[in-house]
């Protein structure tokens, strides 16, 4: 089944990555994700904490506001 393309979009082969330079390596030993602000329960999670959360996979199309789309991508993450 061919996915439906929204008006004004065109299919491309893969994601376009926009950046302003090299991405520094990720130090997983010192990684911290702080959840704060308008949240009921502020937290600080380490990399191991994230890996311990229930994992999820979703297959979906990606449609960029710049007019390109990539079909059938596998997205992975954690359930919150």
N, C-alpha and C. Protein backbone atom coordinates (compact mmCIF):
# COMPACT_ATOMS: atom_id res chain seq x y z
N UNK A 1 0.84 -1.18 0.00
CA UNK A 1 0.00 0.00 0.00
C UNK A 1 0.88 1.25 0.00
N UNK A 2 0.62 2.15 -0.91
CA UNK A 2 1.38 3.40 -0.99
C UNK A 2 0.73 4.41 -0.04
N UNK A 3 1.52 4.99 0.89
CA UNK A 3 0.94 5.98 1.80
C UNK A 3 0.47 7.22 1.05
N UNK A 4 -0.53 7.89 1.63
CA UNK A 4 -1.07 9.09 1.02
C UNK A 4 -0.13 10.26 1.26
N UNK A 5 0.16 11.00 0.20
CA UNK A 5 1.04 12.16 0.28
C UNK A 5 0.20 13.42 0.49
N UNK A 6 0.47 14.19 1.53
CA UNK A 6 -0.29 15.42 1.75
C UNK A 6 -0.07 16.42 0.60
N UNK A 7 -1.03 17.31 0.37
CA UNK A 7 -0.88 18.30 -0.70
C UNK A 7 0.39 19.13 -0.52
N UNK A 8 1.10 19.36 -1.62
CA UNK A 8 2.30 20.19 -1.60
C UNK A 8 3.56 19.46 -1.18
N UNK A 9 3.47 18.17 -0.85
CA UNK A 9 4.64 17.40 -0.41
C UNK A 9 5.18 16.56 -1.56
N UNK A 10 6.45 16.16 -1.46
CA UNK A 10 7.07 15.23 -2.41
C UNK A 10 7.81 14.17 -1.61
N UNK A 11 7.80 12.93 -2.10
CA UNK A 11 8.52 11.85 -1.43
C UNK A 11 10.01 11.97 -1.70
N UNK A 12 10.84 11.71 -0.68
CA UNK A 12 12.29 11.62 -0.86
C UNK A 12 12.75 10.32 -0.20
N UNK A 13 14.01 9.94 -0.46
CA UNK A 13 14.54 8.65 -0.01
C UNK A 13 14.82 8.56 1.48
N UNK A 14 15.31 9.63 2.10
CA UNK A 14 15.67 9.57 3.51
C UNK A 14 15.59 10.93 4.15
N UNK A 15 15.70 10.96 5.46
CA UNK A 15 15.61 12.22 6.19
C UNK A 15 16.73 13.18 5.81
N UNK A 16 16.42 14.45 5.75
CA UNK A 16 17.42 15.50 5.57
C UNK A 16 17.79 15.99 6.96
N UNK A 17 19.08 16.04 7.25
CA UNK A 17 19.55 16.49 8.56
C UNK A 17 20.06 17.91 8.42
N UNK A 18 19.48 18.81 9.17
CA UNK A 18 19.92 20.20 9.19
C UNK A 18 20.76 20.42 10.45
N UNK A 19 21.95 20.94 10.29
CA UNK A 19 22.78 21.23 11.45
C UNK A 19 23.71 22.39 11.14
N UNK A 20 24.39 22.86 12.16
CA UNK A 20 25.31 23.99 11.98
C UNK A 20 26.76 23.57 12.18
N UNK A 21 26.99 22.29 12.29
CA UNK A 21 28.35 21.82 12.46
C UNK A 21 28.38 20.43 13.05
N UNK A 22 29.58 19.94 13.39
CA UNK A 22 29.69 18.60 13.94
C UNK A 22 28.96 18.46 15.27
N UNK A 23 28.40 17.30 15.49
CA UNK A 23 27.71 17.01 16.74
C UNK A 23 28.74 16.39 17.69
N UNK A 24 28.91 16.96 18.88
CA UNK A 24 29.90 16.40 19.81
C UNK A 24 29.48 15.01 20.28
N UNK A 25 30.44 14.17 20.64
CA UNK A 25 30.09 12.84 21.13
C UNK A 25 29.29 12.93 22.43
N UNK A 26 28.42 11.97 22.63
CA UNK A 26 27.57 11.93 23.81
C UNK A 26 28.27 11.14 24.91
N UNK A 27 28.48 11.76 26.06
CA UNK A 27 29.10 11.13 27.21
C UNK A 27 28.00 10.47 28.04
N UNK A 28 27.76 9.18 27.80
CA UNK A 28 26.65 8.49 28.46
C UNK A 28 26.85 8.32 29.96
N UNK A 29 28.09 8.33 30.43
CA UNK A 29 28.35 8.21 31.87
C UNK A 29 27.86 9.44 32.63
N UNK A 30 27.96 10.61 31.99
CA UNK A 30 27.56 11.86 32.66
C UNK A 30 26.26 12.44 32.11
N UNK A 31 25.58 11.72 31.23
CA UNK A 31 24.33 12.19 30.64
C UNK A 31 23.27 12.38 31.72
N UNK A 32 22.58 13.51 31.65
CA UNK A 32 21.44 13.78 32.54
C UNK A 32 20.35 14.47 31.71
N UNK A 33 19.12 14.04 31.89
CA UNK A 33 17.96 14.68 31.28
C UNK A 33 17.13 15.24 32.42
N UNK A 34 17.03 16.58 32.47
CA UNK A 34 16.26 17.23 33.53
C UNK A 34 14.86 17.56 33.03
N UNK A 35 13.87 17.12 33.76
CA UNK A 35 12.47 17.43 33.47
C UNK A 35 12.01 18.39 34.56
N UNK A 36 11.78 19.65 34.18
CA UNK A 36 11.43 20.66 35.18
C UNK A 36 10.56 21.72 34.53
N UNK A 37 10.10 22.65 35.33
CA UNK A 37 9.22 23.71 34.82
C UNK A 37 7.78 23.36 35.11
N UNK A 38 6.93 23.42 34.10
CA UNK A 38 5.49 23.17 34.27
C UNK A 38 5.20 21.67 34.27
N UNK A 39 5.82 20.96 35.20
CA UNK A 39 5.59 19.52 35.36
C UNK A 39 5.20 19.24 36.81
N UNK A 40 4.41 18.21 37.02
CA UNK A 40 3.97 17.87 38.38
C UNK A 40 5.09 17.27 39.21
N UNK A 41 6.02 16.57 38.55
CA UNK A 41 7.05 15.84 39.27
C UNK A 41 8.41 16.06 38.60
N UNK A 42 9.14 17.13 38.94
CA UNK A 42 10.45 17.34 38.34
C UNK A 42 11.37 16.14 38.61
N UNK A 43 12.18 15.79 37.60
CA UNK A 43 13.06 14.64 37.72
C UNK A 43 14.37 14.91 37.00
N UNK A 44 15.38 14.12 37.35
CA UNK A 44 16.63 14.08 36.59
C UNK A 44 16.91 12.62 36.29
N UNK A 45 17.00 12.29 35.01
CA UNK A 45 17.19 10.90 34.58
C UNK A 45 18.58 10.70 34.01
N UNK A 46 19.21 9.60 34.38
CA UNK A 46 20.47 9.19 33.77
C UNK A 46 20.16 8.33 32.54
N UNK A 47 21.16 8.04 31.75
CA UNK A 47 20.98 7.21 30.55
C UNK A 47 20.39 5.85 30.94
N UNK A 48 20.92 5.25 32.00
CA UNK A 48 20.42 3.94 32.45
C UNK A 48 18.95 4.03 32.86
N UNK A 49 18.54 5.16 33.43
CA UNK A 49 17.13 5.35 33.81
C UNK A 49 16.24 5.33 32.57
N UNK A 50 16.70 5.99 31.50
CA UNK A 50 15.93 6.00 30.26
C UNK A 50 15.81 4.60 29.66
N UNK A 51 16.91 3.86 29.68
CA UNK A 51 16.90 2.50 29.13
C UNK A 51 16.00 1.57 29.94
N UNK A 52 15.79 1.88 31.22
CA UNK A 52 14.95 1.04 32.08
C UNK A 52 13.46 1.29 31.86
N UNK A 53 13.10 2.39 31.20
CA UNK A 53 11.69 2.69 30.93
C UNK A 53 11.15 1.77 29.84
N UNK A 54 9.83 1.56 29.80
CA UNK A 54 9.25 0.74 28.73
C UNK A 54 9.58 1.34 27.36
N UNK A 55 10.05 0.49 26.46
CA UNK A 55 10.44 0.92 25.12
C UNK A 55 9.23 0.86 24.18
N UNK A 56 9.26 1.69 23.15
CA UNK A 56 8.17 1.72 22.17
C UNK A 56 8.74 1.88 20.77
N UNK A 57 8.04 1.31 19.80
CA UNK A 57 8.36 1.50 18.39
C UNK A 57 7.07 1.88 17.67
N UNK A 58 7.18 2.84 16.75
CA UNK A 58 6.05 3.26 15.93
C UNK A 58 6.56 3.41 14.51
N UNK A 59 5.81 2.89 13.55
CA UNK A 59 6.15 3.06 12.15
C UNK A 59 5.19 4.11 11.58
N UNK A 60 5.76 5.20 11.03
CA UNK A 60 4.92 6.29 10.53
C UNK A 60 5.67 7.08 9.46
N UNK A 61 4.92 7.81 8.66
CA UNK A 61 5.51 8.71 7.67
C UNK A 61 5.93 10.00 8.37
N UNK A 62 6.94 10.67 7.80
CA UNK A 62 7.38 11.97 8.31
C UNK A 62 7.13 13.00 7.23
N UNK A 63 6.45 14.09 7.58
CA UNK A 63 6.15 15.16 6.64
C UNK A 63 6.76 16.45 7.16
N UNK A 64 7.75 16.98 6.44
CA UNK A 64 8.44 18.20 6.84
C UNK A 64 7.67 19.42 6.33
N UNK A 65 7.71 20.50 7.10
CA UNK A 65 7.04 21.74 6.69
C UNK A 65 7.70 22.34 5.46
N UNK A 66 8.90 21.89 5.10
CA UNK A 66 9.59 22.41 3.91
C UNK A 66 9.14 21.74 2.63
N UNK A 67 8.20 20.78 2.72
CA UNK A 67 7.60 20.22 1.51
C UNK A 67 8.08 18.84 1.12
N UNK A 68 8.86 18.18 1.95
CA UNK A 68 9.30 16.82 1.63
C UNK A 68 8.77 15.84 2.67
N UNK A 69 8.64 14.60 2.24
CA UNK A 69 8.12 13.54 3.11
C UNK A 69 8.95 12.28 2.94
N UNK A 70 9.07 11.51 4.01
CA UNK A 70 9.73 10.20 3.97
C UNK A 70 8.72 9.19 4.50
N UNK A 71 8.41 8.16 3.70
CA UNK A 71 7.41 7.19 4.15
C UNK A 71 7.99 6.10 5.04
N UNK A 72 7.14 5.55 5.90
CA UNK A 72 7.38 4.30 6.59
C UNK A 72 8.67 4.28 7.42
N UNK A 73 8.88 5.30 8.24
CA UNK A 73 10.05 5.35 9.12
C UNK A 73 9.75 4.63 10.42
N UNK A 74 10.78 4.00 10.99
CA UNK A 74 10.64 3.36 12.29
C UNK A 74 11.16 4.32 13.35
N UNK A 75 10.27 4.76 14.25
CA UNK A 75 10.61 5.66 15.34
C UNK A 75 10.70 4.83 16.61
N UNK A 76 11.74 5.07 17.41
CA UNK A 76 11.93 4.32 18.65
C UNK A 76 12.13 5.29 19.81
N UNK A 77 11.65 4.90 20.97
CA UNK A 77 11.82 5.74 22.14
C UNK A 77 11.29 5.05 23.38
N UNK A 78 10.96 5.85 24.37
CA UNK A 78 10.44 5.32 25.62
C UNK A 78 9.01 5.81 25.82
N UNK A 79 8.24 5.03 26.55
CA UNK A 79 6.88 5.45 26.89
C UNK A 79 6.96 6.33 28.12
N UNK A 80 6.25 7.45 28.10
CA UNK A 80 6.31 8.36 29.23
C UNK A 80 5.09 8.34 30.09
